[in-house]
Amino acid sequence: MRRTWLCFIIYEIIKSGTINDQVNVLNIATLFGVSGKTIRRDLYVMRDMNLIHYVGSDKTGHWEVKHGKIHMHQL
């Protein structure tokens, strides 16, 4: 996967709390100098890998970790 480090950081952020798709995605994108679209794409890749899932509605939902801990080589 491209940019494994960014996915790993996003995963750790989700594990420590939650990512709200409307606000924090843009904050994380700004922090790392990438677009919100890039962060969302990485979230969807991790979702497709069955590492995270989205809980709730589009407006008030958040991302959660599905499993305990991952290692960088899993991404």
PDB file of N, CA and C in Angstrom:
ATOM      1  N   MET A   1       0.846  -1.170   0.000  1.00  0.00           N
ATOM      2  CA  MET A   1       0.000   0.000   0.000  1.00  0.00           C
ATOM      3  C   MET A   1       0.892   1.235   0.000  1.00  0.00           C
ATOM      4  N   ARG A   2       0.501   2.216  -0.748  1.00  0.00           N
ATOM      5  CA  ARG A   2       1.266   3.455  -0.777  1.00  0.00           C
ATOM      6  C   ARG A   2       1.055   4.200   0.537  1.00  0.00           C
ATOM      7  N   ARG A   3       2.043   4.926   0.917  1.00  0.00           N
ATOM      8  CA  ARG A   3       1.991   5.773   2.105  1.00  0.00           C
ATOM      9  C   ARG A   3       1.519   5.018   3.344  1.00  0.00           C
ATOM     10  N   THR A   4       2.164   3.927   3.602  1.00  0.00           N
ATOM     11  CA  THR A   4       1.816   3.101   4.750  1.00  0.00           C
ATOM     12  C   THR A   4       1.893   3.894   6.047  1.00  0.00           C
ATOM     13  N   TRP A   5       2.860   4.763   6.169  1.00  0.00           N
ATOM     14  CA  TRP A   5       3.031   5.524   7.408  1.00  0.00           C
ATOM     15  C   TRP A   5       1.799   6.361   7.716  1.00  0.00           C
ATOM     16  N   LEU A   6       1.186   6.960   6.695  1.00  0.00           N
ATOM     17  CA  LEU A   6       0.008   7.787   6.915  1.00  0.00           C
ATOM     18  C   LEU A   6      -1.176   6.932   7.369  1.00  0.00           C
ATOM     19  N   CYS A   7      -1.367   5.785   6.761  1.00  0.00           N
ATOM     20  CA  CYS A   7      -2.445   4.885   7.187  1.00  0.00           C
ATOM     21  C   CYS A   7      -2.223   4.433   8.625  1.00  0.00           C
ATOM     22  N   PHE A   8      -0.978   4.137   8.966  1.00  0.00           N
ATOM     23  CA  PHE A   8      -0.674   3.696  10.323  1.00  0.00           C
ATOM     24  C   PHE A   8      -0.995   4.802  11.326  1.00  0.00           C
ATOM     25  N   ILE A   9      -0.643   6.038  11.009  1.00  0.00           N
ATOM     26  CA  ILE A   9      -0.938   7.166  11.888  1.00  0.00           C
ATOM     27  C   ILE A   9      -2.445   7.369  12.013  1.00  0.00           C
ATOM     28  N   ILE A  10      -3.153   7.295  10.898  1.00  0.00           N
ATOM     29  CA  ILE A  10      -4.616   7.439  10.934  1.00  0.00           C
ATOM     30  C   ILE A  10      -5.224   6.338  11.801  1.00  0.00           C
ATOM     31  N   TYR A  11      -4.739   5.115  11.637  1.00  0.00           N
ATOM     32  CA  TYR A  11      -5.230   3.994  12.437  1.00  0.00           C
ATOM     33  C   TYR A  11      -5.018   4.263  13.924  1.00  0.00           C
ATOM     34  N   GLU A  12      -3.838   4.749  14.277  1.00  0.00           N
ATOM     35  CA  GLU A  12      -3.541   5.032  15.683  1.00  0.00           C
ATOM     36  C   GLU A  12      -4.425   6.155  16.229  1.00  0.00           C
ATOM     37  N   ILE A  13      -4.731   7.150  15.401  1.00  0.00           N
ATOM     38  CA  ILE A  13      -5.624   8.231  15.822  1.00  0.00           C
ATOM     39  C   ILE A  13      -7.018   7.671  16.088  1.00  0.00           C
ATOM     40  N   ILE A  14      -7.496   6.810  15.202  1.00  0.00           N
ATOM     41  CA  ILE A  14      -8.815   6.196  15.391  1.00  0.00           C
ATOM     42  C   ILE A  14      -8.822   5.365  16.664  1.00  0.00           C
ATOM     43  N   LYS A  15      -7.743   4.602  16.881  1.00  0.00           N
ATOM     44  CA  LYS A  15      -7.666   3.736  18.050  1.00  0.00           C
ATOM     45  C   LYS A  15      -7.699   4.547  19.344  1.00  0.00           C
ATOM     46  N   SER A  16      -7.112   5.734  19.324  1.00  0.00           N
ATOM     47  CA  SER A  16      -7.053   6.537  20.539  1.00  0.00           C
ATOM     48  C   SER A  16      -8.335   7.332  20.781  1.00  0.00           C
ATOM     49  N   GLY A  17      -9.193   7.396  19.820  1.00  0.00           N
ATOM     50  CA  GLY A  17     -10.450   8.125  19.959  1.00  0.00           C
ATOM     51  C   GLY A  17     -11.319   7.822  18.773  1.00  0.00           C
ATOM     52  N   THR A  18     -11.736   8.862  18.090  1.00  0.00           N
ATOM     53  CA  THR A  18     -12.523   8.658  16.886  1.00  0.00           C
ATOM     54  C   THR A  18     -12.178   9.718  15.865  1.00  0.00           C
ATOM     55  N   ILE A  19     -12.475   9.426  14.628  1.00  0.00           N
ATOM     56  CA  ILE A  19     -12.365  10.413  13.564  1.00  0.00           C
ATOM     57  C   ILE A  19     -13.771  10.706  13.085  1.00  0.00           C
ATOM     58  N   ASN A  20     -14.174  11.930  13.177  1.00  0.00           N
ATOM     59  CA  ASN A  20     -15.446  12.370  12.634  1.00  0.00           C
ATOM     60  C   ASN A  20     -15.175  12.785  11.196  1.00  0.00           C
ATOM     61  N   ASP A  21     -15.886  12.209  10.257  1.00  0.00           N
ATOM     62  CA  ASP A  21     -15.596  12.405   8.831  1.00  0.00           C
ATOM     63  C   ASP A  21     -15.724  13.855   8.391  1.00  0.00           C
ATOM     64  N   GLN A  22     -16.506  14.648   9.058  1.00  0.00           N
ATOM     65  CA  GLN A  22     -16.721  16.023   8.610  1.00  0.00           C
ATOM     66  C   GLN A  22     -15.657  16.998   9.117  1.00  0.00           C
ATOM     67  N   VAL A  23     -15.108  16.792  10.289  1.00  0.00           N
ATOM     68  CA  VAL A  23     -14.200  17.771  10.884  1.00  0.00           C
ATOM     69  C   VAL A  23     -12.767  17.272  10.927  1.00  0.00           C
ATOM     70  N   ASN A  24     -12.527  16.169  11.587  1.00  0.00           N
ATOM     71  CA  ASN A  24     -11.162  15.725  11.825  1.00  0.00           C
ATOM     72  C   ASN A  24     -10.425  15.263  10.581  1.00  0.00           C
ATOM     73  N   VAL A  25     -11.122  14.797   9.582  1.00  0.00           N
ATOM     74  CA  VAL A  25     -10.462  14.407   8.345  1.00  0.00           C
ATOM     75  C   VAL A  25      -9.717  15.602   7.759  1.00  0.00           C
ATOM     76  N   LEU A  26     -10.363  16.744   7.747  1.00  0.00           N
ATOM     77  CA  LEU A  26      -9.722  17.939   7.208  1.00  0.00           C
ATOM     78  C   LEU A  26      -8.579  18.406   8.091  1.00  0.00           C
ATOM     79  N   ASN A  27      -8.726  18.276   9.400  1.00  0.00           N
ATOM     80  CA  ASN A  27      -7.640  18.650  10.308  1.00  0.00           C
ATOM     81  C   ASN A  27      -6.416  17.763  10.091  1.00  0.00           C
ATOM     82  N   ILE A  28      -6.631  16.470   9.948  1.00  0.00           N
ATOM     83  CA  ILE A  28      -5.519  15.543   9.713  1.00  0.00           C
ATOM     84  C   ILE A  28      -4.874  15.813   8.362  1.00  0.00           C
ATOM     85  N   ALA A  29      -5.689  16.081   7.360  1.00  0.00           N
ATOM     86  CA  ALA A  29      -5.157  16.379   6.029  1.00  0.00           C
ATOM     87  C   ALA A  29      -4.265  17.617   6.073  1.00  0.00           C
ATOM     88  N   THR A  30      -4.715  18.642   6.756  1.00  0.00           N
ATOM     89  CA  THR A  30      -3.921  19.868   6.882  1.00  0.00           C
ATOM     90  C   THR A  30      -2.626  19.605   7.630  1.00  0.00           C
ATOM     91  N   LEU A  31      -2.702  18.841   8.689  1.00  0.00           N
ATOM     92  CA  LEU A  31      -1.532  18.531   9.495  1.00  0.00           C
ATOM     93  C   LEU A  31      -0.435  17.840   8.676  1.00  0.00           C
ATOM     94  N   PHE A  32      -0.837  16.929   7.775  1.00  0.00           N
ATOM     95  CA  PHE A  32       0.145  16.173   6.998  1.00  0.00           C
ATOM     96  C   PHE A  32       0.348  16.712   5.587  1.00  0.00           C
ATOM     97  N   GLY A  33      -0.321  17.797   5.265  1.00  0.00           N
ATOM     98  CA  GLY A  33      -0.115  18.420   3.959  1.00  0.00           C
ATOM     99  C   GLY A  33      -0.664  17.618   2.795  1.00  0.00           C
ATOM    100  N   VAL A  34      -1.772  16.928   3.039  1.00  0.00           N
ATOM    101  CA  VAL A  34      -2.439  16.178   1.975  1.00  0.00           C
ATOM    102  C   VAL A  34      -3.889  16.645   1.906  1.00  0.00           C
ATOM    103  N   SER A  35      -4.621  16.156   0.932  1.00  0.00           N
ATOM    104  CA  SER A  35      -6.018  16.565   0.793  1.00  0.00           C
ATOM    105  C   SER A  35      -6.926  15.698   1.670  1.00  0.00           C
ATOM    106  N   GLY A  36      -8.102  16.220   1.932  1.00  0.00           N
ATOM    107  CA  GLY A  36      -9.105  15.445   2.651  1.00  0.00           C
ATOM    108  C   GLY A  36      -9.477  14.184   1.881  1.00  0.00           C
ATOM    109  N   LYS A  37      -9.455  14.291   0.562  1.00  0.00           N
ATOM    110  CA  LYS A  37      -9.754  13.135  -0.294  1.00  0.00           C
ATOM    111  C   LYS A  37      -8.735  12.021  -0.061  1.00  0.00           C
ATOM    112  N   THR A  38      -7.480  12.388   0.135  1.00  0.00           N
ATOM    113  CA  THR A  38      -6.432  11.394   0.404  1.00  0.00           C
ATOM    114  C   THR A  38      -6.698  10.676   1.712  1.00  0.00           C
ATOM    115  N   ILE A  39      -7.052  11.422   2.754  1.00  0.00           N
ATOM    116  CA  ILE A  39      -7.337  10.802   4.052  1.00  0.00           C
ATOM    117  C   ILE A  39      -8.547   9.886   3.945  1.00  0.00           C
ATOM    118  N   ARG A  40      -9.601  10.347   3.287  1.00  0.00           N
ATOM    119  CA  ARG A  40     -10.789   9.503   3.121  1.00  0.00           C
ATOM    120  C   ARG A  40     -10.465   8.230   2.339  1.00  0.00           C
ATOM    121  N   ARG A  41      -9.646   8.356   1.291  1.00  0.00           N
ATOM    122  CA  ARG A  41      -9.259   7.183   0.505  1.00  0.00           C
ATOM    123  C   ARG A  41      -8.525   6.178   1.394  1.00  0.00           C
ATOM    124  N   ASP A  42      -7.607   6.665   2.243  1.00  0.00           N
ATOM    125  CA  ASP A  42      -6.897   5.770   3.152  1.00  0.00           C
ATOM    126  C   ASP A  42      -7.851   5.122   4.150  1.00  0.00           C
ATOM    127  N   LEU A  43      -8.837   5.871   4.629  1.00  0.00           N
ATOM    128  CA  LEU A  43      -9.837   5.298   5.526  1.00  0.00           C
ATOM    129  C   LEU A  43     -10.607   4.172   4.832  1.00  0.00           C
ATOM    130  N   TYR A  44     -10.994   4.397   3.583  1.00  0.00           N
ATOM    131  CA  TYR A  44     -11.755   3.382   2.853  1.00  0.00           C
ATOM    132  C   TYR A  44     -10.907   2.150   2.542  1.00  0.00           C
ATOM    133  N   VAL A  45      -9.615   2.342   2.312  1.00  0.00           N
ATOM    134  CA  VAL A  45      -8.719   1.209   2.093  1.00  0.00           C
ATOM    135  C   VAL A  45      -8.633   0.373   3.366  1.00  0.00           C
ATOM    136  N   MET A  46      -8.465   1.048   4.512  1.00  0.00           N
ATOM    137  CA  MET A  46      -8.401   0.310   5.774  1.00  0.00           C
ATOM    138  C   MET A  46      -9.737  -0.359   6.091  1.00  0.00           C
ATOM    139  N   ARG A  47     -10.836   0.280   5.707  1.00  0.00           N
ATOM    140  CA  ARG A  47     -12.155  -0.342   5.873  1.00  0.00           C
ATOM    141  C   ARG A  47     -12.243  -1.612   5.034  1.00  0.00           C
ATOM    142  N   ASP A  48     -11.809  -1.531   3.799  1.00  0.00           N
ATOM    143  CA  ASP A  48     -11.857  -2.691   2.908  1.00  0.00           C
ATOM    144  C   ASP A  48     -10.945  -3.815   3.386  1.00  0.00           C
ATOM    145  N   MET A  49      -9.900  -3.469   4.145  1.00  0.00           N
ATOM    146  CA  MET A  49      -9.001  -4.470   4.724  1.00  0.00           C
ATOM    147  C   MET A  49      -9.572  -5.036   6.027  1.00  0.00           C
ATOM    148  N   ASN A  50     -10.773  -4.565   6.408  1.00  0.00           N
ATOM    149  CA  ASN A  50     -11.471  -5.019   7.612  1.00  0.00           C
ATOM    150  C   ASN A  50     -10.731  -4.639   8.898  1.00  0.00           C
ATOM    151  N   LEU A  51     -10.020  -3.490   8.865  1.00  0.00           N
ATOM    152  CA  LEU A  51      -9.314  -3.010  10.045  1.00  0.00           C
ATOM    153  C   LEU A  51     -10.142  -2.015  10.850  1.00  0.00           C
ATOM    154  N   ILE A  52     -10.983  -1.239  10.151  1.00  0.00           N
ATOM    155  CA  ILE A  52     -11.811  -0.228  10.791  1.00  0.00           C
ATOM    156  C   ILE A  52     -13.213  -0.295  10.214  1.00  0.00           C
ATOM    157  N   HIS A  53     -14.163   0.332  10.887  1.00  0.00           N
ATOM    158  CA  HIS A  53     -15.518   0.427  10.351  1.00  0.00           C
ATOM    159  C   HIS A  53     -16.148   1.740  10.805  1.00  0.00           C
ATOM    160  N   TYR A  54     -17.131   2.180  10.044  1.00  0.00           N
ATOM    161  CA  TYR A  54     -17.823   3.435  10.329  1.00  0.00           C
ATOM    162  C   TYR A  54     -19.098   3.129  11.096  1.00  0.00           C
ATOM    163  N   VAL A  55     -19.306   3.844  12.183  1.00  0.00           N
ATOM    164  CA  VAL A  55     -20.459   3.631  13.054  1.00  0.00           C
ATOM    165  C   VAL A  55     -21.316   4.884  13.049  1.00  0.00           C
ATOM    166  N   GLY A  56     -22.612   4.740  12.847  1.00  0.00           N
ATOM    167  CA  GLY A  56     -23.520   5.874  12.919  1.00  0.00           C
ATOM    168  C   GLY A  56     -23.849   6.467  11.566  1.00  0.00           C
ATOM    169  N   SER A  57     -24.472   7.626  11.630  1.00  0.00           N
ATOM    170  CA  SER A  57     -24.916   8.285  10.409  1.00  0.00           C
ATOM    171  C   SER A  57     -23.763   9.052   9.757  1.00  0.00           C
ATOM    172  N   ASP A  58     -23.983   9.476   8.521  1.00  0.00           N
ATOM    173  CA  ASP A  58     -22.962  10.251   7.818  1.00  0.00           C
ATOM    174  C   ASP A  58     -22.636  11.547   8.557  1.00  0.00           C
ATOM    175  N   LYS A  59     -23.624  12.128   9.169  1.00  0.00           N
ATOM    176  CA  LYS A  59     -23.428  13.430   9.818  1.00  0.00           C
ATOM    177  C   LYS A  59     -22.790  13.310  11.204  1.00  0.00           C
ATOM    178  N   THR A  60     -23.206  12.341  11.986  1.00  0.00           N
ATOM    179  CA  THR A  60     -22.738  12.269  13.373  1.00  0.00           C
ATOM    180  C   THR A  60     -21.918  11.024  13.681  1.00  0.00           C
ATOM    181  N   GLY A  61     -21.643  10.197  12.693  1.00  0.00           N
ATOM    182  CA  GLY A  61     -20.916   8.954  12.925  1.00  0.00           C
ATOM    183  C   GLY A  61     -19.428   9.159  13.108  1.00  0.00           C
ATOM    184  N   HIS A  62     -18.725   8.044  13.296  1.00  0.00           N
ATOM    185  CA  HIS A  62     -17.280   8.080  13.483  1.00  0.00           C
ATOM    186  C   HIS A  62     -16.671   6.733  13.103  1.00  0.00           C
ATOM    187  N   TRP A  63     -15.354   6.721  12.919  1.00  0.00           N
ATOM    188  CA  TRP A  63     -14.623   5.504  12.603  1.00  0.00           C
ATOM    189  C   TRP A  63     -14.165   4.833  13.886  1.00  0.00           C
ATOM    190  N   GLU A  64     -14.191   3.500  13.907  1.00  0.00           N
ATOM    191  CA  GLU A  64     -13.700   2.725  15.039  1.00  0.00           C
ATOM    192  C   GLU A  64     -12.817   1.590  14.540  1.00  0.00           C
ATOM    193  N   VAL A  65     -11.885   1.191  15.385  1.00  0.00           N
ATOM    194  CA  VAL A  65     -11.001   0.064  15.092  1.00  0.00           C
ATOM    195  C   VAL A  65     -11.783  -1.222  15.303  1.00  0.00           C
ATOM    196  N   LYS A  66     -11.636  -2.180  14.380  1.00  0.00           N
ATOM    197  CA  LYS A  66     -12.344  -3.459  14.503  1.00  0.00           C
ATOM    198  C   LYS A  66     -11.576  -4.468  15.339  1.00  0.00           C
ATOM    199  N   HIS A  67     -10.260  -4.418  15.271  1.00  0.00           N
ATOM    200  CA  HIS A  67      -9.427  -5.411  15.945  1.00  0.00           C
ATOM    201  C   HIS A  67      -8.484  -4.707  16.910  1.00  0.00           C
ATOM    202  N   GLY A  68      -7.840  -5.487  17.747  1.00  0.00           N
ATOM    203  CA  GLY A  68      -6.948  -4.935  18.743  1.00  0.00           C
ATOM    204  C   GLY A  68      -5.825  -4.071  18.200  1.00  0.00           C
ATOM    205  N   LYS A  69      -4.780  -4.683  17.688  1.00  0.00           N
ATOM    206  CA  LYS A  69      -3.607  -3.930  17.294  1.00  0.00           C
ATOM    207  C   LYS A  69      -3.105  -4.426  15.947  1.00  0.00           C
ATOM    208  N   ILE A  70      -2.647  -3.509  15.134  1.00  0.00           N
ATOM    209  CA  ILE A  70      -2.044  -3.888  13.865  1.00  0.00           C
ATOM    210  C   ILE A  70      -0.584  -3.474  13.886  1.00  0.00           C
ATOM    211  N   HIS A  71       0.162  -4.041  12.971  1.00  0.00           N
ATOM    212  CA  HIS A  71       1.563  -3.686  12.794  1.00  0.00           C
ATOM    213  C   HIS A  71       1.712  -3.058  11.419  1.00  0.00           C
ATOM    214  N   MET A  72       2.764  -2.283  11.259  1.00  0.00           N
ATOM    215  CA  MET A  72       2.989  -1.548  10.021  1.00  0.00           C
ATOM    216  C   MET A  72       2.975  -2.483   8.800  1.00  0.00           C
ATOM    217  N   HIS A  73       3.483  -3.700   8.933  1.00  0.00           N
ATOM    218  CA  HIS A  73       3.548  -4.602   7.782  1.00  0.00           C
ATOM    219  C   HIS A  73       2.167  -5.098   7.340  1.00  0.00           C
ATOM    220  N   GLN A  74       1.158  -4.902   8.154  1.00  0.00           N
ATOM    221  CA  GLN A  74      -0.203  -5.310   7.767  1.00  0.00           C
ATOM    222  C   GLN A  74      -0.844  -4.332   6.797  1.00  0.00           C
ATOM    223  N   LEU A  75      -0.322  -3.117   6.725  1.00  0.00           N
ATOM    224  CA  LEU A  75      -0.912  -2.106   5.857  1.00  0.00           C
ATOM    225  C   LEU A  75      -0.336  -2.165   4.468  1.00  0.00           C
TER     226      LEU A  75
END
